Amino acid sequence: PGKKCYARALYDYDPCEEGELQLQVGDVMEIVSREDPGWWYGYLRGKVGLFPSNYVEVV
């Protein structure tokens, strides 16, 4: 198994589409996939979904 990567939300984000994660400043999510430079998949509060990569910093 590879090393898990995490990201911390720098801004709030309200989902516009189904399958996106809601972010609140300070949330720390596990990064599942970073294949798309603009939208990453993450795991947060029991859900897997997309979030904008420019709203987070890798920790």
N, C-alpha and C. Protein backbone atom coordinates (compact mmCIF):
# COMPACT_ATOMS: atom_id res chain seq x y z
N PRO A 1 0.84 -1.21 0.00
CA PRO A 1 0.00 0.00 0.00
C PRO A 1 0.87 1.25 0.00
N GLY A 2 0.47 2.23 -0.78
CA GLY A 2 1.21 3.48 -0.85
C GLY A 2 0.91 4.37 0.34
N LYS A 3 1.70 5.40 0.46
CA LYS A 3 1.51 6.36 1.54
C LYS A 3 0.27 7.20 1.26
N LYS A 4 -0.55 7.39 2.30
CA LYS A 4 -1.75 8.21 2.12
C LYS A 4 -1.37 9.69 2.11
N CYS A 5 -2.07 10.45 1.28
CA CYS A 5 -1.86 11.89 1.20
C CYS A 5 -3.11 12.59 1.71
N TYR A 6 -2.89 13.72 2.34
CA TYR A 6 -4.00 14.48 2.90
C TYR A 6 -3.93 15.93 2.44
N ALA A 7 -5.10 16.58 2.45
CA ALA A 7 -5.18 17.99 2.08
C ALA A 7 -6.05 18.71 3.10
N ARG A 8 -5.71 19.97 3.35
CA ARG A 8 -6.49 20.80 4.27
C ARG A 8 -7.19 21.89 3.46
N ALA A 9 -8.47 22.07 3.75
CA ALA A 9 -9.26 23.09 3.05
C ALA A 9 -8.83 24.49 3.50
N LEU A 10 -8.54 25.34 2.52
CA LEU A 10 -8.18 26.73 2.78
C LEU A 10 -9.40 27.64 2.73
N TYR A 11 -10.45 27.17 2.05
CA TYR A 11 -11.67 27.96 1.85
C TYR A 11 -12.88 27.05 1.98
N ASP A 12 -14.03 27.64 2.25
CA ASP A 12 -15.29 26.90 2.20
C ASP A 12 -15.64 26.64 0.74
N TYR A 13 -16.26 25.48 0.48
CA TYR A 13 -16.74 25.17 -0.87
C TYR A 13 -18.09 24.49 -0.76
N ASP A 14 -19.09 25.07 -1.40
CA ASP A 14 -20.42 24.47 -1.48
C ASP A 14 -20.56 23.77 -2.81
N PRO A 15 -20.90 22.49 -2.79
CA PRO A 15 -21.00 21.72 -4.04
C PRO A 15 -22.00 22.31 -5.02
N CYS A 16 -21.65 22.27 -6.30
CA CYS A 16 -22.54 22.71 -7.37
C CYS A 16 -23.16 21.51 -8.07
N GLU A 17 -22.49 20.38 -8.02
CA GLU A 17 -22.93 19.18 -8.73
C GLU A 17 -22.96 18.00 -7.76
N GLU A 18 -23.78 17.01 -8.09
CA GLU A 18 -23.79 15.77 -7.33
C GLU A 18 -22.40 15.13 -7.41
N GLY A 19 -21.95 14.56 -6.31
CA GLY A 19 -20.65 13.90 -6.30
C GLY A 19 -19.49 14.79 -5.88
N GLU A 20 -19.79 16.06 -5.55
CA GLU A 20 -18.75 16.95 -5.04
C GLU A 20 -18.83 17.00 -3.51
N LEU A 21 -17.69 17.22 -2.89
CA LEU A 21 -17.63 17.31 -1.44
C LEU A 21 -17.82 18.75 -0.98
N GLN A 22 -18.54 18.91 0.13
CA GLN A 22 -18.61 20.23 0.76
C GLN A 22 -17.38 20.39 1.64
N LEU A 23 -16.70 21.52 1.50
CA LEU A 23 -15.51 21.79 2.30
C LEU A 23 -15.78 22.95 3.24
N GLN A 24 -15.19 22.85 4.43
CA GLN A 24 -15.18 23.96 5.37
C GLN A 24 -13.73 24.23 5.71
N VAL A 25 -13.40 25.49 5.92
CA VAL A 25 -12.02 25.86 6.23
C VAL A 25 -11.49 24.98 7.35
N GLY A 26 -10.32 24.40 7.14
CA GLY A 26 -9.69 23.56 8.16
C GLY A 26 -9.98 22.08 8.03
N ASP A 27 -10.97 21.70 7.20
CA ASP A 27 -11.24 20.27 6.97
C ASP A 27 -9.98 19.60 6.45
N VAL A 28 -9.71 18.40 6.93
CA VAL A 28 -8.59 17.61 6.41
C VAL A 28 -9.17 16.34 5.80
N MET A 29 -8.94 16.16 4.50
CA MET A 29 -9.47 14.98 3.81
C MET A 29 -8.33 14.15 3.25
N GLU A 30 -8.59 12.86 3.12
CA GLU A 30 -7.63 11.98 2.46
C GLU A 30 -7.78 12.16 0.96
N ILE A 31 -6.67 12.34 0.26
CA ILE A 31 -6.70 12.46 -1.20
C ILE A 31 -6.72 11.05 -1.79
N VAL A 32 -7.76 10.77 -2.58
CA VAL A 32 -7.90 9.46 -3.21
C VAL A 32 -7.25 9.46 -4.59
N SER A 33 -7.43 10.55 -5.34
CA SER A 33 -6.90 10.63 -6.70
C SER A 33 -6.62 12.08 -7.06
N ARG A 34 -5.48 12.28 -7.76
CA ARG A 34 -5.12 13.63 -8.25
C ARG A 34 -4.89 13.60 -9.75
N GLU A 35 -5.60 12.75 -10.46
CA GLU A 35 -5.38 12.61 -11.91
C GLU A 35 -5.73 13.87 -12.68
N ASP A 36 -6.81 14.54 -12.29
CA ASP A 36 -7.22 15.78 -12.95
C ASP A 36 -6.59 16.93 -12.17
N PRO A 37 -5.87 17.84 -12.85
CA PRO A 37 -5.20 18.92 -12.11
C PRO A 37 -6.15 19.87 -11.39
N GLY A 38 -7.35 20.03 -11.88
CA GLY A 38 -8.28 21.00 -11.27
C GLY A 38 -9.22 20.41 -10.24
N TRP A 39 -9.53 19.12 -10.36
CA TRP A 39 -10.49 18.47 -9.47
C TRP A 39 -9.90 17.17 -8.95
N TRP A 40 -9.79 17.06 -7.64
CA TRP A 40 -9.26 15.85 -7.02
C TRP A 40 -10.39 15.09 -6.36
N TYR A 41 -10.20 13.78 -6.20
CA TYR A 41 -11.12 12.95 -5.43
C TYR A 41 -10.58 12.84 -4.01
N GLY A 42 -11.48 12.97 -3.05
CA GLY A 42 -11.07 12.85 -1.66
C GLY A 42 -12.11 12.14 -0.83
N TYR A 43 -11.70 11.77 0.39
CA TYR A 43 -12.56 11.08 1.34
C TYR A 43 -12.69 11.98 2.57
N LEU A 44 -13.93 12.38 2.87
CA LEU A 44 -14.18 13.30 3.98
C LEU A 44 -15.55 13.00 4.58
N ARG A 45 -15.59 12.89 5.90
CA ARG A 45 -16.85 12.64 6.63
C ARG A 45 -17.63 11.46 6.06
N GLY A 46 -16.91 10.39 5.71
CA GLY A 46 -17.57 9.18 5.24
C GLY A 46 -18.01 9.20 3.80
N LYS A 47 -17.64 10.24 3.05
CA LYS A 47 -18.03 10.35 1.65
C LYS A 47 -16.80 10.49 0.77
N VAL A 48 -16.90 9.95 -0.44
CA VAL A 48 -15.87 10.14 -1.46
C VAL A 48 -16.46 11.05 -2.53
N GLY A 49 -15.72 12.07 -2.92
CA GLY A 49 -16.23 12.96 -3.95
C GLY A 49 -15.14 13.88 -4.48
N LEU A 50 -15.55 14.70 -5.43
CA LEU A 50 -14.65 15.67 -6.06
C LEU A 50 -14.59 16.96 -5.25
N PHE A 51 -13.43 17.61 -5.31
CA PHE A 51 -13.31 18.94 -4.74
C PHE A 51 -12.28 19.71 -5.57
N PRO A 52 -12.39 21.05 -5.61
CA PRO A 52 -11.45 21.84 -6.40
C PRO A 52 -10.07 21.86 -5.73
N SER A 53 -9.06 21.49 -6.48
CA SER A 53 -7.71 21.37 -5.91
C SER A 53 -7.15 22.72 -5.46
N ASN A 54 -7.63 23.82 -6.04
CA ASN A 54 -7.10 25.13 -5.65
C ASN A 54 -7.73 25.65 -4.35
N TYR A 55 -8.63 24.87 -3.75
CA TYR A 55 -9.22 25.24 -2.46
C TYR A 55 -8.49 24.57 -1.29
N VAL A 56 -7.46 23.78 -1.58
CA VAL A 56 -6.79 23.02 -0.52
C VAL A 56 -5.28 23.15 -0.62
N GLU A 57 -4.61 22.77 0.48
CA GLU A 57 -3.15 22.62 0.47
C GLU A 57 -2.84 21.21 0.93
N VAL A 58 -1.86 20.60 0.29
CA VAL A 58 -1.44 19.25 0.68
C VAL A 58 -0.68 19.37 1.99
N VAL A 59 -1.00 18.47 2.93
CA VAL A 59 -0.35 18.50 4.25
C VAL A 59 0.43 17.23 4.49
